[in-house]
Amino acid sequence: MRNKILKITAVICVLVCVISIGQAVRIQVGYKQAENAYDDLALDLVTLSADDIYTSAGTGAAPLDVNFELLSQMNAEAVGWLYCEGTPINYPVVQSTDNSYYLKHLYNNQSNSSGAIFMDALNDPDMGDVNTVIYGHNMKNGAMFACLQNYSDPAYMREHPVMYYLTADRDYRIDIFACYPDGAVSEAYTINFDSAETYASCLRRSWSRSEASVNVPMTVDDNMITLVTCTGYNSDRYVVQGRITPID
C-alpha cells in the first residue's frame, strides 16, 4: 500500500511539473508574439529622426513620424502613439469603450496577456481634458510600461526627461514632473477637476510624493498626462506624470 501511495504521489508531482512547464512555455510564447507584433508595427509605421531635437526650452519637432492612416486601417480605435527615446516605449495608444478589453488584447485585437497601451475610456481622444490617463502592463520581459518604475531613480529621470505623444492631427511634448507609487483608486486618475484649486491640490500632492525631484514648471493652466502601470504588489500602481504641450 505504501509503495502504491508513493507511486501515485510521484505521478501527481510529474503532472504538476508538466503543467507548470506548459504554462511557462505558453507565457513565453505569448510574450514573444506580442514583442514581434509591436516591433513589426513600429518598423512598418514609424520613421525616427536622426537629429537630436531635445532642447531645454522645449522647441523642435517630435523625433519621429507615424503613418496614422495605415494605423487607423489596422485598428479604428487607435488614437495616438507614445514614444520615449532610449526606452522600450514606442507603442500605439488605443481606446476602447471600457478599461478592460485592452488588458488582454494587442493593438490588432489579438488575444494576448501583454495587452496594449490604452487611454482611459472616459478621456477625450482629441486631448481636450486636463488630465489624459494612459495605462499599460508592467511586463516581466521589460515591455509595455515596465520601465516606468525606473523613473524613481534620479539618474534615469535625468536621462529620459521627455516623452512624445503623437496623434493624426497634432504632436505633443511630455515633460516628466512627478513619479510615485499609488493605489488602484487615486486622485491622480481624475480626468477633469471641479475647480482650479482642486487641480492645484492634486499637483501639490504629485510633487510631494514624487520619488525624483524635477524642475518642470507646472501650473493649473497646463494640461498633464498620467501614465499608469501595476507594481506587482497587491493592487498598487506606479504613476509617471508629465506636462503635455502641443508642438507648433
C-alpha atoms as a PDB file:
ATOM      1  CA  MET A   1       0.000   0.000   0.000  1.00  0.00           C
ATOM      2  CA  ARG A   2       2.813   2.379   0.910  1.00  0.00           C
ATOM      3  CA  ASN A   3       4.541   1.800  -2.454  1.00  0.00           C
ATOM      4  CA  LYS A   4       1.267   2.452  -4.250  1.00  0.00           C
ATOM      5  CA  ILE A   5       0.835   5.761  -2.434  1.00  0.00           C
ATOM      6  CA  LEU A   6       4.406   6.742  -3.289  1.00  0.00           C
ATOM      7  CA  LYS A   7       3.815   5.930  -6.954  1.00  0.00           C
ATOM      8  CA  ILE A   8       0.618   7.973  -7.036  1.00  0.00           C
ATOM      9  CA  THR A   9       2.386  10.867  -5.332  1.00  0.00           C
ATOM     10  CA  ALA A  10       5.221  10.661  -7.862  1.00  0.00           C
ATOM     11  CA  VAL A  11       2.776  10.696 -10.767  1.00  0.00           C
ATOM     12  CA  ILE A  12       0.986  13.733  -9.323  1.00  0.00           C
ATOM     13  CA  CYS A  13       4.304  15.558  -8.894  1.00  0.00           C
ATOM     14  CA  VAL A  14       5.241  14.801 -12.504  1.00  0.00           C
ATOM     15  CA  LEU A  15       1.868  16.049 -13.739  1.00  0.00           C
ATOM     16  CA  VAL A  16       2.210  19.254 -11.718  1.00  0.00           C
ATOM     17  CA  CYS A  17       5.677  19.820 -13.183  1.00  0.00           C
ATOM     18  CA  VAL A  18       4.444  19.197 -16.724  1.00  0.00           C
ATOM     19  CA  ILE A  19       1.519  21.594 -16.254  1.00  0.00           C
ATOM     20  CA  SER A  20       3.811  24.253 -14.755  1.00  0.00           C
ATOM     21  CA  ILE A  21       6.289  23.917 -17.613  1.00  0.00           C
ATOM     22  CA  GLY A  22       3.456  24.118 -20.113  1.00  0.00           C
ATOM     23  CA  GLN A  23       2.129  27.283 -18.536  1.00  0.00           C
ATOM     24  CA  ALA A  24       5.601  28.839 -18.512  1.00  0.00           C
ATOM     25  CA  VAL A  25       6.063  27.984 -22.176  1.00  0.00           C
ATOM     26  CA  ARG A  26       2.693  29.493 -23.090  1.00  0.00           C
ATOM     27  CA  ILE A  27       3.571  32.677 -21.225  1.00  0.00           C
ATOM     28  CA  GLN A  28       6.898  32.995 -23.020  1.00  0.00           C
ATOM     29  CA  VAL A  29       5.280  32.279 -26.380  1.00  0.00           C
ATOM     30  CA  GLY A  30       2.711  34.984 -25.641  1.00  0.00           C
ATOM     31  CA  TYR A  31       5.460  37.446 -24.710  1.00  0.00           C
ATOM     32  CA  LYS A  32       7.302  36.699 -27.951  1.00  0.00           C
ATOM     33  CA  GLN A  33       4.164  37.039 -30.071  1.00  0.00           C
ATOM     34  CA  ALA A  34       3.425  40.431 -28.537  1.00  0.00           C
ATOM     35  CA  GLU A  35       7.024  41.585 -28.875  1.00  0.00           C
ATOM     36  CA  ASN A  36       7.106  40.612 -32.553  1.00  0.00           C
ATOM     37  CA  ALA A  37       3.736  42.241 -33.234  1.00  0.00           C
ATOM     38  CA  TYR A  38       4.779  45.597 -31.751  1.00  0.00           C
ATOM     39  CA  ASP A  39       8.283  45.506 -33.218  1.00  0.00           C
ATOM     40  CA  ASP A  40       6.895  44.801 -36.680  1.00  0.00           C
ATOM     41  CA  LEU A  41       4.323  47.572 -36.279  1.00  0.00           C
ATOM     42  CA  ALA A  42       6.977  50.126 -35.334  1.00  0.00           C
ATOM     43  CA  LEU A  43       9.107  49.087 -38.320  1.00  0.00           C
ATOM     44  CA  ASP A  44       6.141  49.493 -40.647  1.00  0.00           C
ATOM     45  CA  LEU A  45       4.733  52.759 -39.302  1.00  0.00           C
ATOM     46  CA  VAL A  46       7.446  54.739 -37.525  1.00  0.00           C
ATOM     47  CA  THR A  47      10.242  56.793 -39.016  1.00  0.00           C
ATOM     48  CA  LEU A  48      12.753  58.057 -36.451  1.00  0.00           C
ATOM     49  CA  SER A  49      14.677  61.272 -36.929  1.00  0.00           C
ATOM     50  CA  ALA A  50      18.457  61.094 -36.920  1.00  0.00           C
ATOM     51  CA  ASP A  51      18.652  64.540 -35.330  1.00  0.00           C
ATOM     52  CA  ASP A  52      18.851  65.251 -31.623  1.00  0.00           C
ATOM     53  CA  ILE A  53      15.944  67.678 -31.264  1.00  0.00           C
ATOM     54  CA  TYR A  54      15.821  67.888 -27.474  1.00  0.00           C
ATOM     55  CA  THR A  55      16.410  71.341 -26.007  1.00  0.00           C
ATOM     56  CA  SER A  56      15.759  72.603 -22.515  1.00  0.00           C
ATOM     57  CA  ALA A  57      13.458  75.246 -23.998  1.00  0.00           C
ATOM     58  CA  GLY A  58      11.247  72.557 -25.463  1.00  0.00           C
ATOM     59  CA  THR A  59      11.499  73.659 -29.086  1.00  0.00           C
ATOM     60  CA  GLY A  60      11.754  71.469 -32.144  1.00  0.00           C
ATOM     61  CA  ALA A  61       9.624  68.823 -33.773  1.00  0.00           C
ATOM     62  CA  ALA A  62       8.935  65.357 -32.437  1.00  0.00           C
ATOM     63  CA  PRO A  63      11.776  62.954 -33.281  1.00  0.00           C
ATOM     64  CA  LEU A  64       9.529  60.562 -35.202  1.00  0.00           C
ATOM     65  CA  ASP A  65       6.793  60.360 -37.777  1.00  0.00           C
ATOM     66  CA  VAL A  66       3.929  57.863 -37.630  1.00  0.00           C
ATOM     67  CA  ASN A  67       1.783  56.647 -40.501  1.00  0.00           C
ATOM     68  CA  PHE A  68      -1.573  57.175 -38.802  1.00  0.00           C
ATOM     69  CA  GLU A  69      -3.536  56.463 -41.961  1.00  0.00           C
ATOM     70  CA  LEU A  70      -2.220  52.912 -42.041  1.00  0.00           C
ATOM     71  CA  LEU A  71      -2.553  52.551 -38.257  1.00  0.00           C
ATOM     72  CA  SER A  72      -6.231  53.521 -38.373  1.00  0.00           C
ATOM     73  CA  GLN A  73      -6.799  50.942 -41.090  1.00  0.00           C
ATOM     74  CA  MET A  74      -5.347  48.303 -38.770  1.00  0.00           C
ATOM     75  CA  ASN A  75      -7.438  49.433 -35.794  1.00  0.00           C
ATOM     76  CA  ALA A  76     -10.054  52.179 -35.846  1.00  0.00           C
ATOM     77  CA  GLU A  77      -9.634  52.513 -32.055  1.00  0.00           C
ATOM     78  CA  ALA A  78      -6.024  53.707 -32.360  1.00  0.00           C
ATOM     79  CA  VAL A  79      -5.875  57.287 -31.054  1.00  0.00           C
ATOM     80  CA  GLY A  80      -2.154  58.073 -30.852  1.00  0.00           C
ATOM     81  CA  TRP A  81       1.432  56.955 -30.472  1.00  0.00           C
ATOM     82  CA  LEU A  82       3.634  57.225 -27.345  1.00  0.00           C
ATOM     83  CA  TYR A  83       7.428  57.376 -27.614  1.00  0.00           C
ATOM     84  CA  CYS A  84      10.330  57.788 -25.206  1.00  0.00           C
ATOM     85  CA  GLU A  85      13.814  57.722 -26.674  1.00  0.00           C
ATOM     86  CA  GLY A  86      16.165  55.097 -25.256  1.00  0.00           C
ATOM     87  CA  THR A  87      13.370  53.087 -23.632  1.00  0.00           C
ATOM     88  CA  PRO A  88      11.009  50.315 -24.812  1.00  0.00           C
ATOM     89  CA  ILE A  89       8.161  52.856 -25.000  1.00  0.00           C
ATOM     90  CA  ASN A  90       7.390  53.093 -28.712  1.00  0.00           C
ATOM     91  CA  TYR A  91       3.776  51.990 -28.917  1.00  0.00           C
ATOM     92  CA  PRO A  92       0.411  52.811 -30.413  1.00  0.00           C
ATOM     93  CA  VAL A  93      -2.209  54.043 -27.967  1.00  0.00           C
ATOM     94  CA  VAL A  94      -5.707  52.629 -28.349  1.00  0.00           C
ATOM     95  CA  GLN A  95      -9.004  53.423 -26.644  1.00  0.00           C
ATOM     96  CA  SER A  96     -11.998  51.172 -26.100  1.00  0.00           C
ATOM     97  CA  THR A  97     -15.398  51.789 -24.575  1.00  0.00           C
ATOM     98  CA  ASP A  98     -14.132  50.215 -21.332  1.00  0.00           C
ATOM     99  CA  ASN A  99     -10.837  49.833 -19.499  1.00  0.00           C
ATOM    100  CA  SER A 100     -10.694  46.049 -19.595  1.00  0.00           C
ATOM    101  CA  TYR A 101     -10.593  44.945 -23.243  1.00  0.00           C
ATOM    102  CA  TYR A 102      -7.032  46.013 -23.989  1.00  0.00           C
ATOM    103  CA  LEU A 103      -5.719  44.457 -20.807  1.00  0.00           C
ATOM    104  CA  LYS A 104      -5.771  41.151 -22.691  1.00  0.00           C
ATOM    105  CA  HIS A 105      -5.701  42.181 -26.347  1.00  0.00           C
ATOM    106  CA  LEU A 106      -2.946  43.599 -28.528  1.00  0.00           C
ATOM    107  CA  TYR A 107      -3.445  46.683 -30.683  1.00  0.00           C
ATOM    108  CA  ASN A 108      -4.588  44.360 -33.514  1.00  0.00           C
ATOM    109  CA  ASN A 109      -7.277  42.759 -31.299  1.00  0.00           C
ATOM    110  CA  GLN A 110      -5.298  39.533 -30.962  1.00  0.00           C
ATOM    111  CA  SER A 111      -5.862  37.888 -27.589  1.00  0.00           C
ATOM    112  CA  ASN A 112      -2.649  38.194 -25.570  1.00  0.00           C
ATOM    113  CA  SER A 113      -1.874  38.838 -21.894  1.00  0.00           C
ATOM    114  CA  SER A 114       0.629  41.578 -22.829  1.00  0.00           C
ATOM    115  CA  GLY A 115      -2.314  43.744 -23.808  1.00  0.00           C
ATOM    116  CA  ALA A 116      -1.888  47.204 -25.278  1.00  0.00           C
ATOM    117  CA  ILE A 117      -1.128  50.736 -24.175  1.00  0.00           C
ATOM    118  CA  PHE A 118      -4.575  52.286 -23.851  1.00  0.00           C
ATOM    119  CA  MET A 119      -6.197  55.594 -22.987  1.00  0.00           C
ATOM    120  CA  ASP A 120      -8.869  55.753 -20.312  1.00  0.00           C
ATOM    121  CA  ALA A 121     -12.276  55.116 -21.857  1.00  0.00           C
ATOM    122  CA  LEU A 122     -13.591  58.419 -20.433  1.00  0.00           C
ATOM    123  CA  ASN A 123     -10.821  60.584 -21.867  1.00  0.00           C
ATOM    124  CA  ASP A 124     -11.248  62.849 -24.877  1.00  0.00           C
ATOM    125  CA  PRO A 125      -9.024  61.284 -27.576  1.00  0.00           C
ATOM    126  CA  ASP A 126      -8.518  64.785 -29.003  1.00  0.00           C
ATOM    127  CA  MET A 127      -6.576  65.731 -25.853  1.00  0.00           C
ATOM    128  CA  GLY A 128      -9.161  68.201 -24.585  1.00  0.00           C
ATOM    129  CA  ASP A 129      -9.038  67.027 -20.963  1.00  0.00           C
ATOM    130  CA  VAL A 130      -6.972  68.456 -18.128  1.00  0.00           C
ATOM    131  CA  ASN A 131      -5.545  65.003 -17.408  1.00  0.00           C
ATOM    132  CA  THR A 132      -5.119  62.301 -20.037  1.00  0.00           C
ATOM    133  CA  VAL A 133      -4.721  58.908 -18.345  1.00  0.00           C
ATOM    134  CA  ILE A 134      -2.949  56.076 -20.174  1.00  0.00           C
ATOM    135  CA  TYR A 135      -2.494  52.532 -18.880  1.00  0.00           C
ATOM    136  CA  GLY A 136      -0.090  49.699 -19.705  1.00  0.00           C
ATOM    137  CA  HIS A 137       1.073  46.431 -18.192  1.00  0.00           C
ATOM    138  CA  ASN A 138       4.316  46.071 -16.234  1.00  0.00           C
ATOM    139  CA  MET A 139       5.673  43.103 -18.203  1.00  0.00           C
ATOM    140  CA  LYS A 140       8.359  40.840 -16.765  1.00  0.00           C
ATOM    141  CA  ASN A 141      10.264  40.959 -20.059  1.00  0.00           C
ATOM    142  CA  GLY A 142      10.597  44.739 -19.767  1.00  0.00           C
ATOM    143  CA  ALA A 143       7.972  45.529 -22.390  1.00  0.00           C
ATOM    144  CA  MET A 144       4.993  47.911 -22.333  1.00  0.00           C
ATOM    145  CA  PHE A 145       5.146  50.161 -19.213  1.00  0.00           C
ATOM    146  CA  ALA A 146       7.670  48.091 -17.217  1.00  0.00           C
ATOM    147  CA  CYS A 147      10.226  50.902 -17.410  1.00  0.00           C
ATOM    148  CA  LEU A 148       8.008  53.459 -15.637  1.00  0.00           C
ATOM    149  CA  GLN A 149       9.260  52.386 -12.217  1.00  0.00           C
ATOM    150  CA  ASN A 150      12.792  53.232 -13.349  1.00  0.00           C
ATOM    151  CA  TYR A 151      11.854  56.905 -13.004  1.00  0.00           C
ATOM    152  CA  SER A 152      12.235  56.525  -9.248  1.00  0.00           C
ATOM    153  CA  ASP A 153      15.985  56.608  -9.964  1.00  0.00           C
ATOM    154  CA  PRO A 154      17.061  60.273 -10.363  1.00  0.00           C
ATOM    155  CA  ALA A 155      19.720  59.239 -12.893  1.00  0.00           C
ATOM    156  CA  TYR A 156      17.098  57.558 -15.062  1.00  0.00           C
ATOM    157  CA  MET A 157      14.892  60.629 -14.807  1.00  0.00           C
ATOM    158  CA  ARG A 158      17.765  62.833 -15.983  1.00  0.00           C
ATOM    159  CA  GLU A 159      18.405  60.518 -18.928  1.00  0.00           C
ATOM    160  CA  HIS A 160      14.754  60.297 -20.010  1.00  0.00           C
ATOM    161  CA  PRO A 161      13.047  63.558 -19.020  1.00  0.00           C
ATOM    162  CA  VAL A 162      10.920  63.838 -22.137  1.00  0.00           C
ATOM    163  CA  MET A 163       8.376  61.693 -23.970  1.00  0.00           C
ATOM    164  CA  TYR A 164       6.314  62.435 -27.054  1.00  0.00           C
ATOM    165  CA  TYR A 165       2.681  61.755 -27.786  1.00  0.00           C
ATOM    166  CA  LEU A 166       1.640  61.932 -31.416  1.00  0.00           C
ATOM    167  CA  THR A 167      -1.824  61.975 -32.972  1.00  0.00           C
ATOM    168  CA  ALA A 168      -3.021  62.203 -36.554  1.00  0.00           C
ATOM    169  CA  ASP A 169      -3.739  65.910 -36.021  1.00  0.00           C
ATOM    170  CA  ARG A 170      -1.008  67.142 -33.685  1.00  0.00           C
ATOM    171  CA  ASP A 171       2.179  66.228 -31.834  1.00  0.00           C
ATOM    172  CA  TYR A 172       2.796  66.811 -28.130  1.00  0.00           C
ATOM    173  CA  ARG A 173       5.833  67.005 -25.906  1.00  0.00           C
ATOM    174  CA  ILE A 174       5.666  65.476 -22.417  1.00  0.00           C
ATOM    175  CA  ASP A 175       7.978  66.859 -19.719  1.00  0.00           C
ATOM    176  CA  ILE A 176       8.004  64.493 -16.749  1.00  0.00           C
ATOM    177  CA  PHE A 177       7.410  66.285 -13.442  1.00  0.00           C
ATOM    178  CA  ALA A 178       6.487  63.516 -10.962  1.00  0.00           C
ATOM    179  CA  CYS A 179       6.746  59.765 -10.388  1.00  0.00           C
ATOM    180  CA  TYR A 180       5.469  57.794  -7.405  1.00  0.00           C
ATOM    181  CA  PRO A 181       3.694  54.620  -6.239  1.00  0.00           C
ATOM    182  CA  ASP A 182      -0.045  54.920  -5.787  1.00  0.00           C
ATOM    183  CA  GLY A 183      -3.178  52.871  -5.265  1.00  0.00           C
ATOM    184  CA  ALA A 184      -5.655  51.470  -7.754  1.00  0.00           C
ATOM    185  CA  VAL A 185      -8.039  54.291  -6.791  1.00  0.00           C
ATOM    186  CA  SER A 186      -6.444  57.718  -6.719  1.00  0.00           C
ATOM    187  CA  GLU A 187      -6.954  61.419  -7.331  1.00  0.00           C
ATOM    188  CA  ALA A 188      -4.163  61.056  -9.900  1.00  0.00           C
ATOM    189  CA  TYR A 189      -6.610  59.411 -12.311  1.00  0.00           C
ATOM    190  CA  THR A 190      -9.061  62.315 -12.238  1.00  0.00           C
ATOM    191  CA  ILE A 191      -9.677  63.431 -15.811  1.00  0.00           C
ATOM    192  CA  ASN A 192     -11.183  66.866 -15.173  1.00  0.00           C
ATOM    193  CA  PHE A 193     -11.261  68.777 -11.889  1.00  0.00           C
ATOM    194  CA  ASP A 194     -14.188  70.732 -10.453  1.00  0.00           C
ATOM    195  CA  SER A 195     -12.033  73.791  -9.760  1.00  0.00           C
ATOM    196  CA  ALA A 196      -8.561  75.237 -10.234  1.00  0.00           C
ATOM    197  CA  GLU A 197      -7.994  74.823  -6.502  1.00  0.00           C
ATOM    198  CA  THR A 198      -8.730  71.094  -6.682  1.00  0.00           C
ATOM    199  CA  TYR A 199      -6.349  70.727  -9.604  1.00  0.00           C
ATOM    200  CA  ALA A 200      -3.664  72.708  -7.768  1.00  0.00           C
ATOM    201  CA  SER A 201      -4.087  70.414  -4.766  1.00  0.00           C
ATOM    202  CA  CYS A 202      -3.587  67.380  -6.985  1.00  0.00           C
ATOM    203  CA  LEU A 203      -0.418  68.879  -8.433  1.00  0.00           C
ATOM    204  CA  ARG A 204       0.956  69.614  -4.953  1.00  0.00           C
ATOM    205  CA  ARG A 205       0.248  66.021  -3.958  1.00  0.00           C
ATOM    206  CA  SER A 206       2.108  64.741  -7.008  1.00  0.00           C
ATOM    207  CA  TRP A 207       5.153  66.898  -6.272  1.00  0.00           C
ATOM    208  CA  SER A 208       5.197  65.931  -2.607  1.00  0.00           C
ATOM    209  CA  ARG A 209       5.050  62.211  -3.392  1.00  0.00           C
ATOM    210  CA  SER A 210       7.476  62.211  -6.293  1.00  0.00           C
ATOM    211  CA  GLU A 211      10.472  59.910  -5.842  1.00  0.00           C
ATOM    212  CA  ALA A 212      12.627  62.041  -8.141  1.00  0.00           C
ATOM    213  CA  SER A 213      12.957  65.805  -7.957  1.00  0.00           C
ATOM    214  CA  VAL A 214      12.396  67.549 -11.298  1.00  0.00           C
ATOM    215  CA  ASN A 215      12.376  71.256 -12.097  1.00  0.00           C
ATOM    216  CA  VAL A 216       9.452  71.356 -14.531  1.00  0.00           C
ATOM    217  CA  PRO A 217       7.201  74.417 -14.152  1.00  0.00           C
ATOM    218  CA  MET A 218       3.570  73.276 -13.923  1.00  0.00           C
ATOM    219  CA  THR A 219       0.521  75.447 -13.291  1.00  0.00           C
ATOM    220  CA  VAL A 220      -3.243  74.931 -13.312  1.00  0.00           C
ATOM    221  CA  ASP A 221      -3.221  76.368 -16.848  1.00  0.00           C
ATOM    222  CA  ASP A 222      -1.213  73.366 -18.053  1.00  0.00           C
ATOM    223  CA  ASN A 223      -2.661  70.007 -19.023  1.00  0.00           C
ATOM    224  CA  MET A 224      -0.972  66.821 -17.899  1.00  0.00           C
ATOM    225  CA  ILE A 225      -0.672  63.198 -18.884  1.00  0.00           C
ATOM    226  CA  THR A 226      -0.668  60.382 -16.327  1.00  0.00           C
ATOM    227  CA  LEU A 227       0.933  57.056 -17.235  1.00  0.00           C
ATOM    228  CA  VAL A 228      -0.114  54.153 -15.012  1.00  0.00           C
ATOM    229  CA  THR A 229       1.172  50.612 -14.570  1.00  0.00           C
ATOM    230  CA  CYS A 230       0.911  47.922 -11.906  1.00  0.00           C
ATOM    231  CA  THR A 231       3.759  47.251  -9.472  1.00  0.00           C
ATOM    232  CA  GLY A 232       3.126  43.555  -8.877  1.00  0.00           C
ATOM    233  CA  TYR A 233       2.265  44.193  -5.227  1.00  0.00           C
ATOM    234  CA  ASN A 234      -1.422  43.707  -4.463  1.00  0.00           C
ATOM    235  CA  SER A 235      -3.376  46.483  -6.178  1.00  0.00           C
ATOM    236  CA  ASP A 236      -0.596  49.067  -6.126  1.00  0.00           C
ATOM    237  CA  ARG A 237       0.221  51.165  -9.175  1.00  0.00           C
ATOM    238  CA  TYR A 238       3.186  53.233 -10.314  1.00  0.00           C
ATOM    239  CA  VAL A 239       2.426  56.633 -11.772  1.00  0.00           C
ATOM    240  CA  VAL A 240       4.526  58.881 -14.026  1.00  0.00           C
ATOM    241  CA  GLN A 241       3.093  62.314 -14.780  1.00  0.00           C
ATOM    242  CA  GLY A 242       4.143  64.942 -17.272  1.00  0.00           C
ATOM    243  CA  ARG A 243       3.196  68.375 -18.541  1.00  0.00           C
ATOM    244  CA  ILE A 244       1.843  67.929 -22.040  1.00  0.00           C
ATOM    245  CA  THR A 245       2.491  70.735 -24.509  1.00  0.00           C
ATOM    246  CA  PRO A 246       1.402  70.939 -28.153  1.00  0.00           C
ATOM    247  CA  ILE A 247       4.292  71.231 -30.590  1.00  0.00           C
ATOM    248  CA  ASP A 248       3.671  74.020 -33.098  1.00  0.00           C
END
